[in-house]
PDB file of N, CA and C in Angstrom:
ATOM      1  N   UNK A   1       0.698  -1.246  -0.023  1.00  0.00           N
ATOM      2  CA  UNK A   1      -0.276   0.021  -0.180  1.00  0.00           C
ATOM      3  C   UNK A   1       0.980   1.204  -0.083  1.00  0.00           C
ATOM      4  N   UNK A   2       2.015   0.958   0.590  1.00  0.00           N
ATOM      5  CA  UNK A   2       2.902   2.394   0.891  1.00  0.00           C
ATOM      6  C   UNK A   2       3.208   3.150  -0.778  1.00  0.00           C
ATOM      7  N   UNK A   3       3.817   1.687  -1.404  1.00  0.00           N
ATOM      8  CA  UNK A   3       4.153   1.912  -2.842  1.00  0.00           C
ATOM      9  C   UNK A   3       3.116   2.665  -3.650  1.00  0.00           C
ATOM     10  N   UNK A   4       1.920   2.174  -3.437  1.00  0.00           N
ATOM     11  CA  UNK A   4       1.071   3.074  -4.476  1.00  0.00           C
ATOM     12  C   UNK A   4       0.793   4.568  -3.967  1.00  0.00           C
ATOM     13  N   UNK A   5       0.945   4.983  -2.760  1.00  0.00           N
ATOM     14  CA  UNK A   5       0.867   5.916  -2.173  1.00  0.00           C
ATOM     15  C   UNK A   5       1.953   6.766  -2.715  1.00  0.00           C
ATOM     16  N   UNK A   6       3.461   6.229  -2.587  1.00  0.00           N
ATOM     17  CA  UNK A   6       4.402   6.635  -2.976  1.00  0.00           C
ATOM     18  C   UNK A   6       4.338   7.306  -4.462  1.00  0.00           C
ATOM     19  N   UNK A   7       4.060   6.158  -5.536  1.00  0.00           N
ATOM     20  CA  UNK A   7       3.664   6.248  -6.712  1.00  0.00           C
ATOM     21  C   UNK A   7       2.958   7.529  -6.966  1.00  0.00           C
ATOM     22  N   UNK A   8       1.679   7.765  -6.285  1.00  0.00           N
ATOM     23  CA  UNK A   8       0.606   8.698  -6.545  1.00  0.00           C
ATOM     24  C   UNK A   8       1.097  10.104  -6.153  1.00  0.00           C
ATOM     25  N   UNK A   9       1.948  10.280  -4.817  1.00  0.00           N
ATOM     26  CA  UNK A   9       2.421  11.224  -4.669  1.00  0.00           C
ATOM     27  C   UNK A   9       3.681  11.662  -5.543  1.00  0.00           C
ATOM     28  N   UNK A  10       4.107  10.928  -5.847  1.00  0.00           N
ATOM     29  CA  UNK A  10       5.584  11.375  -6.853  1.00  0.00           C
ATOM     30  C   UNK A  10       5.040  11.926  -8.238  1.00  0.00           C
ATOM     31  N   UNK A  11       3.601  11.230  -8.941  1.00  0.00           N
ATOM     32  CA  UNK A  11       3.006  11.713  -9.794  1.00  0.00           C
ATOM     33  C   UNK A  11       2.591  13.221  -9.562  1.00  0.00           C
ATOM     34  N   UNK A  12       2.042  13.384  -8.730  1.00  0.00           N
ATOM     35  CA  UNK A  12       1.416  14.885  -8.155  1.00  0.00           C
ATOM     36  C   UNK A  12       2.670  16.095  -8.431  1.00  0.00           C
ATOM     37  N   UNK A  13       3.680  15.292  -7.272  1.00  0.00           N
ATOM     38  CA  UNK A  13       4.814  16.284  -7.493  1.00  0.00           C
ATOM     39  C   UNK A  13       5.573  16.585  -8.533  1.00  0.00           C
ATOM     40  N   UNK A  14       5.460  15.608  -9.737  1.00  0.00           N
ATOM     41  CA  UNK A  14       6.362  15.918 -10.788  1.00  0.00           C
ATOM     42  C   UNK A  14       5.280  16.636 -11.928  1.00  0.00           C
ATOM     43  N   UNK A  15       3.851  16.610 -11.585  1.00  0.00           N
ATOM     44  CA  UNK A  15       2.871  17.473 -12.467  1.00  0.00           C
ATOM     45  C   UNK A  15       3.171  19.030 -11.969  1.00  0.00           C
ATOM     46  N   UNK A  16       3.025  19.068 -10.377  1.00  0.00           N
ATOM     47  CA  UNK A  16       3.237  20.399  -9.976  1.00  0.00           C
ATOM     48  C   UNK A  16       4.736  21.144 -10.042  1.00  0.00           C
ATOM     49  N   UNK A  17       5.973  20.083 -10.174  1.00  0.00           N
ATOM     50  CA  UNK A  17       6.807  20.676 -10.306  1.00  0.00           C
ATOM     51  C   UNK A  17       7.518  21.245 -11.808  1.00  0.00           C
ATOM     52  N   UNK A  18       6.797  20.396 -12.672  1.00  0.00           N
ATOM     53  CA  UNK A  18       6.927  20.843 -13.896  1.00  0.00           C
ATOM     54  C   UNK A  18       6.180  22.056 -14.563  1.00  0.00           C
ATOM     55  N   UNK A  19       5.027  22.094 -13.731  1.00  0.00           N
ATOM     56  CA  UNK A  19       4.089  23.593 -13.912  1.00  0.00           C
ATOM     57  C   UNK A  19       5.068  24.782 -13.212  1.00  0.00           C
ATOM     58  N   UNK A  20       5.642  24.280 -11.933  1.00  0.00           N
ATOM     59  CA  UNK A  20       6.405  25.506 -11.821  1.00  0.00           C
ATOM     60  C   UNK A  20       7.821  25.876 -12.216  1.00  0.00           C
ATOM     61  N   UNK A  21       8.246  24.706 -12.712  1.00  0.00           N
ATOM     62  CA  UNK A  21       9.577  25.078 -13.913  1.00  0.00           C
ATOM     63  C   UNK A  21       8.901  25.843 -15.023  1.00  0.00           C
ATOM     64  N   UNK A  22       7.759  25.668 -15.465  1.00  0.00           N
ATOM     65  CA  UNK A  22       7.435  26.279 -16.789  1.00  0.00           C
ATOM     66  C   UNK A  22       7.154  27.869 -16.304  1.00  0.00           C
ATOM     67  N   UNK A  23       6.846  28.079 -15.312  1.00  0.00           N
ATOM     68  CA  UNK A  23       6.633  29.224 -14.708  1.00  0.00           C
ATOM     69  C   UNK A  23       8.132  30.095 -14.280  1.00  0.00           C
ATOM     70  N   UNK A  24       9.020  29.209 -13.778  1.00  0.00           N
ATOM     71  CA  UNK A  24      10.541  29.870 -13.899  1.00  0.00           C
ATOM     72  C   UNK A  24      11.025  30.194 -14.593  1.00  0.00           C
ATOM     73  N   UNK A  25      11.040  29.406 -15.671  1.00  0.00           N
ATOM     74  CA  UNK A  25      11.702  29.740 -17.215  1.00  0.00           C
ATOM     75  C   UNK A  25      10.718  30.579 -17.918  1.00  0.00           C
ATOM     76  N   UNK A  26       9.573  30.685 -17.718  1.00  0.00           N
ATOM     77  CA  UNK A  26       8.519  31.706 -18.722  1.00  0.00           C
ATOM     78  C   UNK A  26       8.331  30.919 -19.949  1.00  0.00           C
ATOM     79  N   UNK A  27       7.787  29.921 -19.768  1.00  0.00           N
ATOM     80  CA  UNK A  27       7.424  28.991 -21.235  1.00  0.00           C
ATOM     81  C   UNK A  27       8.596  28.979 -22.002  1.00  0.00           C
ATOM     82  N   UNK A  28       9.657  28.585 -21.320  1.00  0.00           N
ATOM     83  CA  UNK A  28      11.182  28.568 -22.394  1.00  0.00           C
ATOM     84  C   UNK A  28      11.503  27.293 -21.762  1.00  0.00           C
ATOM     85  N   UNK A  29      10.685  26.163 -21.657  1.00  0.00           N
ATOM     86  CA  UNK A  29      11.271  24.871 -21.409  1.00  0.00           C
ATOM     87  C   UNK A  29      11.725  24.631 -22.540  1.00  0.00           C
ATOM     88  N   UNK A  30      13.059  23.324 -22.492  1.00  0.00           N
ATOM     89  CA  UNK A  30      13.581  22.724 -23.328  1.00  0.00           C
ATOM     90  C   UNK A  30      13.062  22.125 -24.489  1.00  0.00           C
ATOM     91  N   UNK A  31      11.922  21.616 -23.961  1.00  0.00           N
ATOM     92  CA  UNK A  31      10.668  20.567 -24.813  1.00  0.00           C
ATOM     93  C   UNK A  31       9.526  21.046 -24.688  1.00  0.00           C
ATOM     94  N   UNK A  32       8.882  20.442 -25.696  1.00  0.00           N
ATOM     95  CA  UNK A  32       7.225  20.827 -25.297  1.00  0.00           C
ATOM     96  C   UNK A  32       6.745  20.344 -24.218  1.00  0.00           C
ATOM     97  N   UNK A  33       5.457  21.156 -24.259  1.00  0.00           N
ATOM     98  CA  UNK A  33       4.774  20.646 -22.917  1.00  0.00           C
ATOM     99  C   UNK A  33       4.365  19.357 -22.585  1.00  0.00           C
ATOM    100  N   UNK A  34       3.651  18.654 -23.409  1.00  0.00           N
ATOM    101  CA  UNK A  34       3.285  17.133 -22.931  1.00  0.00           C
ATOM    102  C   UNK A  34       4.621  16.517 -22.854  1.00  0.00           C
ATOM    103  N   UNK A  35       5.614  16.672 -23.516  1.00  0.00           N
ATOM    104  CA  UNK A  35       6.878  15.903 -23.080  1.00  0.00           C
ATOM    105  C   UNK A  35       7.584  16.637 -21.654  1.00  0.00           C
ATOM    106  N   UNK A  36       7.286  17.395 -21.541  1.00  0.00           N
ATOM    107  CA  UNK A  36       7.949  18.319 -20.489  1.00  0.00           C
ATOM    108  C   UNK A  36       7.134  17.467 -19.087  1.00  0.00           C
ATOM    109  N   UNK A  37       5.885  17.367 -18.991  1.00  0.00           N
ATOM    110  CA  UNK A  37       5.206  16.704 -18.070  1.00  0.00           C
ATOM    111  C   UNK A  37       5.440  15.371 -17.979  1.00  0.00           C
ATOM    112  N   UNK A  38       5.722  14.483 -19.084  1.00  0.00           N
ATOM    113  CA  UNK A  38       6.097  13.024 -18.811  1.00  0.00           C
ATOM    114  C   UNK A  38       7.611  13.083 -18.528  1.00  0.00           C
ATOM    115  N   UNK A  39       8.454  14.040 -18.617  1.00  0.00           N
ATOM    116  CA  UNK A  39       9.851  13.991 -18.170  1.00  0.00           C
ATOM    117  C   UNK A  39       9.716  14.505 -16.608  1.00  0.00           C
ATOM    118  N   UNK A  40       8.827  15.055 -16.108  1.00  0.00           N
ATOM    119  CA  UNK A  40       8.616  15.495 -14.659  1.00  0.00           C
ATOM    120  C   UNK A  40       8.030  14.569 -13.815  1.00  0.00           C
ATOM    121  N   UNK A  41       7.105  14.009 -14.291  1.00  0.00           N
ATOM    122  CA  UNK A  41       6.724  12.563 -13.647  1.00  0.00           C
ATOM    123  C   UNK A  41       7.826  11.550 -13.325  1.00  0.00           C
ATOM    124  N   UNK A  42       8.298  11.067 -14.685  1.00  0.00           N
ATOM    125  CA  UNK A  42       9.101   9.881 -14.796  1.00  0.00           C
ATOM    126  C   UNK A  42      10.245  10.373 -13.909  1.00  0.00           C
ATOM    127  N   UNK A  43      10.842  11.769 -13.910  1.00  0.00           N
ATOM    128  CA  UNK A  43      12.016  12.030 -12.874  1.00  0.00           C
ATOM    129  C   UNK A  43      11.759  11.771 -11.370  1.00  0.00           C
ATOM    130  N   UNK A  44      10.230  12.400 -10.922  1.00  0.00           N
ATOM    131  CA  UNK A  44       9.929  12.409  -9.717  1.00  0.00           C
ATOM    132  C   UNK A  44       9.707  11.113  -9.115  1.00  0.00           C
ATOM    133  N   UNK A  45       9.135  10.023 -10.111  1.00  0.00           N
ATOM    134  CA  UNK A  45       8.877   8.778  -9.580  1.00  0.00           C
ATOM    135  C   UNK A  45      10.318   8.057  -9.211  1.00  0.00           C
ATOM    136  N   UNK A  46      11.251   8.411 -10.386  1.00  0.00           N
ATOM    137  CA  UNK A  46      12.651   7.771 -10.349  1.00  0.00           C
ATOM    138  C   UNK A  46      13.217   7.983  -9.067  1.00  0.00           C
ATOM    139  N   UNK A  47      13.330   9.337  -8.931  1.00  0.00           N
ATOM    140  CA  UNK A  47      13.968   9.850  -7.726  1.00  0.00           C
ATOM    141  C   UNK A  47      13.292   9.576  -6.461  1.00  0.00           C
ATOM    142  N   UNK A  48      12.048   9.391  -6.209  1.00  0.00           N
ATOM    143  CA  UNK A  48      11.312   9.152  -5.202  1.00  0.00           C
ATOM    144  C   UNK A  48      11.612   7.673  -4.900  1.00  0.00           C
ATOM    145  N   UNK A  49      11.743   6.739  -5.708  1.00  0.00           N
ATOM    146  CA  UNK A  49      11.775   5.244  -5.443  1.00  0.00           C
ATOM    147  C   UNK A  49      13.199   5.176  -4.988  1.00  0.00           C
ATOM    148  N   UNK A  50      14.001   5.792  -5.689  1.00  0.00           N
ATOM    149  CA  UNK A  50      15.611   5.710  -5.064  1.00  0.00           C
ATOM    150  C   UNK A  50      15.797   6.229  -3.541  1.00  0.00           C
ATOM    151  N   UNK A  51      15.052   7.326  -3.560  1.00  0.00           N
ATOM    152  CA  UNK A  51      15.115   7.758  -1.999  1.00  0.00           C
ATOM    153  C   UNK A  51      14.531   6.761  -1.156  1.00  0.00           C
ATOM    154  N   UNK A  52      13.337   6.257  -1.413  1.00  0.00           N
ATOM    155  CA  UNK A  52      12.525   5.275  -0.922  1.00  0.00           C
ATOM    156  C   UNK A  52      13.126   3.869  -0.266  1.00  0.00           C
ATOM    157  N   UNK A  53      14.179   3.348  -1.355  1.00  0.00           N
ATOM    158  CA  UNK A  53      14.955   2.190  -1.115  1.00  0.00           C
ATOM    159  C   UNK A  53      16.060   2.376  -0.831  1.00  0.00           C
ATOM    160  N   UNK A  54      17.029   3.361  -1.218  1.00  0.00           N
ATOM    161  CA  UNK A  54      18.383   3.711  -1.046  1.00  0.00           C
ATOM    162  C   UNK A  54      18.802   3.986   0.297  1.00  0.00           C
ATOM    163  N   UNK A  55      18.050   4.848   0.667  1.00  0.00           N
ATOM    164  CA  UNK A  55      18.213   5.606   1.749  1.00  0.00           C
ATOM    165  C   UNK A  55      18.148   4.287   3.187  1.00  0.00           C
ATOM    166  N   UNK A  56      17.122   3.783   3.277  1.00  0.00           N
ATOM    167  CA  UNK A  56      17.292   2.584   4.258  1.00  0.00           C
ATOM    168  C   UNK A  56      18.275   1.616   3.720  1.00  0.00           C
ATOM    169  N   UNK A  57      18.769   1.314   2.898  1.00  0.00           N
ATOM    170  CA  UNK A  57      19.789   0.426   2.361  1.00  0.00           C
ATOM    171  C   UNK A  57      21.023   0.790   2.975  1.00  0.00           C
ATOM    172  N   UNK A  58      21.369   2.240   3.243  1.00  0.00           N
ATOM    173  CA  UNK A  58      22.336   2.651   3.664  1.00  0.00           C
ATOM    174  C   UNK A  58      22.877   2.991   4.979  1.00  0.00           C
ATOM    175  N   UNK A  59      21.922   2.217   5.515  1.00  0.00           N
ATOM    176  CA  UNK A  59      21.708   2.484   7.148  1.00  0.00           C
ATOM    177  C   UNK A  59      20.932   3.671   7.738  1.00  0.00           C
ATOM    178  N   UNK A  60      20.430   4.579   7.106  1.00  0.00           N
ATOM    179  CA  UNK A  60      19.874   5.624   7.569  1.00  0.00           C
ATOM    180  C   UNK A  60      18.295   5.485   8.264  1.00  0.00           C
ATOM    181  N   UNK A  61      18.019   6.251   8.923  1.00  0.00           N
ATOM    182  CA  UNK A  61      16.773   6.142   9.878  1.00  0.00           C
ATOM    183  C   UNK A  61      15.525   6.216   8.751  1.00  0.00           C
ATOM    184  N   UNK A  62      14.084   5.754   9.208  1.00  0.00           N
ATOM    185  CA  UNK A  62      12.970   5.924   8.125  1.00  0.00           C
ATOM    186  C   UNK A  62      12.753   7.658   8.096  1.00  0.00           C
ATOM    187  N   UNK A  63      13.035   8.394   9.064  1.00  0.00           N
ATOM    188  CA  UNK A  63      12.611   9.596   9.110  1.00  0.00           C
ATOM    189  C   UNK A  63      13.506  10.422   8.133  1.00  0.00           C
ATOM    190  N   UNK A  64      14.659   9.956   7.790  1.00  0.00           N
ATOM    191  CA  UNK A  64      15.576  10.589   6.534  1.00  0.00           C
ATOM    192  C   UNK A  64      14.728   9.918   5.179  1.00  0.00           C
ATOM    193  N   UNK A  65      14.131   8.894   5.253  1.00  0.00           N
ATOM    194  CA  UNK A  65      13.696   8.299   4.053  1.00  0.00           C
ATOM    195  C   UNK A  65      12.603   8.954   3.787  1.00  0.00           C
ATOM    196  N   UNK A  66      11.782   9.215   4.576  1.00  0.00           N
ATOM    197  CA  UNK A  66      10.527  10.434   4.191  1.00  0.00           C
ATOM    198  C   UNK A  66      11.116  11.636   3.849  1.00  0.00           C
ATOM    199  N   UNK A  67      12.030  12.465   4.759  1.00  0.00           N
ATOM    200  CA  UNK A  67      12.505  13.451   4.082  1.00  0.00           C
ATOM    201  C   UNK A  67      13.032  13.597   2.848  1.00  0.00           C
ATOM    202  N   UNK A  68      13.734  12.501   2.469  1.00  0.00           N
ATOM    203  CA  UNK A  68      14.327  12.724   1.307  1.00  0.00           C
ATOM    204  C   UNK A  68      13.262  12.191   0.249  1.00  0.00           C
ATOM    205  N   UNK A  69      12.174  11.574   0.411  1.00  0.00           N
ATOM    206  CA  UNK A  69      11.360  11.236  -0.380  1.00  0.00           C
ATOM    207  C   UNK A  69      10.297  12.387  -0.637  1.00  0.00           C
ATOM    208  N   UNK A  70      10.385  13.360   0.058  1.00  0.00           N
ATOM    209  CA  UNK A  70       9.427  14.665   0.314  1.00  0.00           C
ATOM    210  C   UNK A  70       9.886  15.546  -0.392  1.00  0.00           C
ATOM    211  N   UNK A  71      11.347  15.600  -0.458  1.00  0.00           N
ATOM    212  CA  UNK A  71      12.086  17.071  -0.804  1.00  0.00           C
ATOM    213  C   UNK A  71      12.721  16.724  -2.226  1.00  0.00           C
ATOM    214  N   UNK A  72      13.454  15.770  -2.275  1.00  0.00           N
ATOM    215  CA  UNK A  72      14.476  15.427  -3.503  1.00  0.00           C
ATOM    216  C   UNK A  72      13.770  15.436  -4.872  1.00  0.00           C
ATOM    217  N   UNK A  73      12.660  14.786  -4.862  1.00  0.00           N
ATOM    218  CA  UNK A  73      11.880  14.527  -6.338  1.00  0.00           C
ATOM    219  C   UNK A  73      11.435  15.961  -6.496  1.00  0.00           C
ATOM    220  N   UNK A  74      11.266  16.725  -5.735  1.00  0.00           N
ATOM    221  CA  UNK A  74      10.872  18.435  -6.056  1.00  0.00           C
ATOM    222  C   UNK A  74      11.920  19.019  -6.730  1.00  0.00           C
ATOM    223  N   UNK A  75      12.869  18.747  -6.082  1.00  0.00           N
ATOM    224  CA  UNK A  75      14.414  19.825  -6.508  1.00  0.00           C
ATOM    225  C   UNK A  75      14.858  18.821  -7.765  1.00  0.00           C
ATOM    226  N   UNK A  76      14.363  17.939  -7.831  1.00  0.00           N
ATOM    227  CA  UNK A  76      15.294  17.108  -9.031  1.00  0.00           C
ATOM    228  C   UNK A  76      14.384  17.444 -10.379  1.00  0.00           C
ATOM    229  N   UNK A  77      13.406  17.578 -10.401  1.00  0.00           N
ATOM    230  CA  UNK A  77      12.500  18.131 -11.728  1.00  0.00           C
ATOM    231  C   UNK A  77      13.168  19.177 -12.458  1.00  0.00           C
ATOM    232  N   UNK A  78      13.190  20.475 -11.792  1.00  0.00           N
ATOM    233  CA  UNK A  78      13.742  21.924 -12.290  1.00  0.00           C
ATOM    234  C   UNK A  78      15.071  21.201 -12.798  1.00  0.00           C
ATOM    235  N   UNK A  79      16.124  20.731 -11.932  1.00  0.00           N
ATOM    236  CA  UNK A  79      17.464  20.340 -12.309  1.00  0.00           C
ATOM    237  C   UNK A  79      17.458  19.659 -13.481  1.00  0.00           C
ATOM    238  N   UNK A  80      16.589  18.442 -13.746  1.00  0.00           N
ATOM    239  CA  UNK A  80      16.676  18.040 -15.172  1.00  0.00           C
ATOM    240  C   UNK A  80      16.179  18.551 -16.387  1.00  0.00           C
ATOM    241  N   UNK A  81      15.310  19.544 -16.228  1.00  0.00           N
ATOM    242  CA  UNK A  81      15.086  20.308 -16.964  1.00  0.00           C
ATOM    243  C   UNK A  81      16.401  21.496 -17.187  1.00  0.00           C
ATOM    244  N   UNK A  82      17.018  21.602 -16.576  1.00  0.00           N
ATOM    245  CA  UNK A  82      17.999  22.662 -16.623  1.00  0.00           C
ATOM    246  C   UNK A  82      19.335  21.998 -17.476  1.00  0.00           C
ATOM    247  N   UNK A  83      19.262  20.896 -16.794  1.00  0.00           N
ATOM    248  CA  UNK A  83      20.402  19.946 -17.616  1.00  0.00           C
ATOM    249  C   UNK A  83      20.091  19.798 -19.106  1.00  0.00           C
ATOM    250  N   UNK A  84      18.779  19.424 -19.472  1.00  0.00           N
ATOM    251  CA  UNK A  84      18.434  19.304 -20.921  1.00  0.00           C
ATOM    252  C   UNK A  84      18.369  20.648 -21.769  1.00  0.00           C
ATOM    253  N   UNK A  85      18.087  21.768 -20.990  1.00  0.00           N
ATOM    254  CA  UNK A  85      18.281  23.055 -21.690  1.00  0.00           C
ATOM    255  C   UNK A  85      19.961  23.370 -21.724  1.00  0.00           C
ATOM    256  N   UNK A  86      20.581  22.911 -21.177  1.00  0.00           N
ATOM    257  CA  UNK A  86      22.408  22.996 -21.301  1.00  0.00           C
ATOM    258  C   UNK A  86      22.950  22.314 -22.335  1.00  0.00           C
ATOM    259  N   UNK A  87      22.045  20.957 -22.383  1.00  0.00           N
ATOM    260  CA  UNK A  87      22.516  20.055 -23.034  1.00  0.00           C
ATOM    261  C   UNK A  87      22.366  20.705 -24.809  1.00  0.00           C
ATOM    262  N   UNK A  88      21.081  20.747 -24.806  1.00  0.00           N
ATOM    263  CA  UNK A  88      20.487  21.658 -26.153  1.00  0.00           C
ATOM    264  C   UNK A  88      21.156  22.717 -26.566  1.00  0.00           C
ATOM    265  N   UNK A  89      21.854  23.317 -25.743  1.00  0.00           N
ATOM    266  CA  UNK A  89      22.396  24.618 -26.178  1.00  0.00           C
ATOM    267  C   UNK A  89      23.950  24.262 -26.465  1.00  0.00           C
TER     268      UNK A  89
END
């Protein structure tokens, strides 16, 4: 059940952070909007899963697992768009 909630939360985070990234770059994202939303959701889900499984495997507490899964996906979506923008230029 936790995995389903994690996926749902990361999909929402990916969609919201893609919209926020669009506002940050004033509609100058490096890809078109449907592709941007797909990239944002995939990035958020991938980073969320990494945090969810890797942080406990490294021996850190569950508190850090929840903190990482809550913050890192939101920060990684604009970072991925920035990397794509730099790669295209």
